Amino acid sequence: MAITTEEQLTQVLKRLQTGTPDIEGAAVISMDGLVMASSLPAEAEEDRVSAMSAALYGIGTRTVEELQRGDIEQLYIKGSNGYVIITQAGPNAVLAVMANARVKLGIVFLDVKRAVEEIAKIV
């Protein structure tokens, strides 16, 4: 039996979290805000996280265009309890990653880059 797209994406997300234990959750989200695959914490509302992530990415895209900063690569949000990183993953999806405040961002950025390359091949 062939593995589904959602199962493939879920495997990528699980590898991402296993490789960097300080990553607390991740989701692959379509550009119109729908969850394609998720490994978010139980308290996170998938639908709300996906809609906000897609909206933030859209606002970020318009902002870098307006300010002539080139093409958007990544959104990075720092809160008192950790980080949210949103990165384009192929032409039709974004990857949203939640990490705790202890995380080493260089490692996360490298792992996210690898994950989005895998995701882009799937979606």
Protein backbone atom coordinates (compact mmCIF):
# COMPACT_ATOMS: atom_id res chain seq x y z
CA MET A 1 0.00 0.00 0.00
CA ALA A 2 1.32 3.45 -0.93
CA ILE A 3 2.04 5.95 1.81
CA THR A 4 -0.18 9.05 1.69
CA THR A 5 1.06 12.62 1.40
CA GLU A 6 -0.09 13.35 4.95
CA GLU A 7 1.82 10.33 6.27
CA GLN A 8 4.97 11.41 4.42
CA LEU A 9 4.70 14.93 5.82
CA THR A 10 4.05 13.61 9.33
CA GLN A 11 7.22 11.51 9.10
CA VAL A 12 9.23 14.62 8.18
CA LEU A 13 7.76 16.49 11.16
CA LYS A 14 8.52 13.64 13.55
CA ARG A 15 12.14 13.46 12.31
CA LEU A 16 12.45 17.22 12.81
CA GLN A 17 11.26 16.97 16.41
CA THR A 18 13.33 13.90 17.16
CA GLY A 19 16.47 15.55 15.79
CA THR A 20 15.99 18.69 17.88
CA PRO A 21 14.23 17.94 21.18
CA ASP A 22 13.75 21.67 21.90
CA ILE A 23 11.29 21.81 19.00
CA GLU A 24 7.94 21.40 20.69
CA GLY A 25 5.71 21.21 17.64
CA ALA A 26 5.49 21.71 13.90
CA ALA A 27 2.91 21.83 11.15
CA VAL A 28 2.83 21.88 7.37
CA ILE A 29 0.20 24.37 6.27
CA SER A 30 -1.24 25.17 2.86
CA MET A 31 -1.02 28.75 1.63
CA ASP A 32 -4.75 29.13 2.26
CA GLY A 33 -4.35 28.17 5.93
CA LEU A 34 -5.33 24.50 6.02
CA VAL A 35 -3.36 21.90 8.00
CA MET A 36 -1.69 19.38 5.72
CA ALA A 37 0.13 17.57 8.56
CA SER A 38 0.78 18.40 12.17
CA SER A 39 2.66 17.36 15.26
CA LEU A 40 1.64 20.29 17.43
CA PRO A 41 1.27 20.03 21.21
CA ALA A 42 -2.16 18.92 22.40
CA GLU A 43 -3.04 22.36 23.76
CA ALA A 44 -2.46 24.04 20.37
CA GLU A 45 -5.55 24.44 18.21
CA GLU A 46 -4.44 23.20 14.78
CA ASP A 47 -6.99 25.20 12.81
CA ARG A 48 -6.17 28.43 14.59
CA VAL A 49 -2.39 27.91 14.35
CA SER A 50 -2.61 27.09 10.66
CA ALA A 51 -4.79 30.09 9.81
CA MET A 52 -2.57 32.49 11.77
CA SER A 53 0.62 31.04 10.26
CA ALA A 54 -0.63 31.43 6.70
CA ALA A 55 -1.85 34.95 7.45
CA LEU A 56 1.46 35.94 9.04
CA TYR A 57 3.38 34.55 6.09
CA GLY A 58 1.19 36.55 3.70
CA ILE A 59 1.74 39.74 5.71
CA GLY A 60 5.47 39.06 5.83
CA THR A 61 5.56 38.58 2.07
CA ARG A 62 3.80 41.90 1.47
CA THR A 63 6.05 43.65 4.00
CA VAL A 64 9.34 42.58 2.42
CA GLU A 65 7.99 43.50 -1.01
CA GLU A 66 6.86 46.95 0.18
CA LEU A 67 10.19 47.59 1.91
CA GLN A 68 12.14 46.20 -1.05
CA ARG A 69 13.89 43.52 1.03
CA GLY A 70 13.79 40.89 -1.73
CA ASP A 71 11.96 37.58 -1.43
CA ILE A 72 10.76 36.42 1.95
CA GLU A 73 12.74 33.52 3.37
CA GLN A 74 11.49 33.11 6.89
CA LEU A 75 9.42 34.70 9.65
CA TYR A 76 10.84 34.54 13.13
CA ILE A 77 8.84 35.46 16.22
CA LYS A 78 10.34 35.49 19.69
CA GLY A 79 8.10 35.30 22.73
CA SER A 80 8.98 35.04 26.40
CA ASN A 81 8.45 31.24 26.29
CA GLY A 82 10.12 30.48 22.97
CA TYR A 83 10.00 30.93 19.24
CA VAL A 84 7.79 30.45 16.22
CA ILE A 85 9.52 30.10 12.86
CA ILE A 86 7.52 30.07 9.63
CA THR A 87 9.27 29.12 6.40
CA GLN A 88 8.02 28.48 2.88
CA ALA A 89 8.11 24.78 2.02
CA GLY A 90 7.60 24.53 -1.72
CA PRO A 91 5.24 26.68 -3.76
CA ASN A 92 2.07 25.60 -1.95
CA ALA A 93 2.94 25.25 1.73
CA VAL A 94 4.67 26.70 4.76
CA LEU A 95 6.29 24.98 7.72
CA ALA A 96 5.53 26.45 11.15
CA VAL A 97 7.83 25.36 13.97
CA MET A 98 7.47 26.01 17.71
CA ALA A 99 10.62 25.85 19.83
CA ASN A 100 11.24 26.50 23.50
CA ALA A 101 13.35 29.38 24.80
CA ARG A 102 16.41 27.14 25.42
CA VAL A 103 16.80 26.13 21.78
CA LYS A 104 19.96 26.88 19.84
CA LEU A 105 18.55 28.78 16.88
CA GLY A 106 21.40 27.94 14.50
CA ILE A 107 20.61 24.25 14.82
CA VAL A 108 16.88 24.86 14.38
CA PHE A 109 17.45 26.97 11.27
CA LEU A 110 19.59 24.20 9.76
CA ASP A 111 17.06 21.49 10.64
CA VAL A 112 14.18 23.60 9.32
CA LYS A 113 16.04 24.16 6.05
CA ARG A 114 16.48 20.42 5.61
CA ALA A 115 12.84 19.75 6.50
CA VAL A 116 11.48 22.29 4.01
CA GLU A 117 13.59 20.74 1.26
CA GLU A 118 11.99 17.38 2.02
CA ILE A 119 8.51 18.87 2.28
CA ALA A 120 8.88 20.69 -1.04
CA LYS A 121 9.50 17.35 -2.75
CA ILE A 122 6.30 15.92 -1.25
CA VAL A 123 3.81 18.75 -1.75
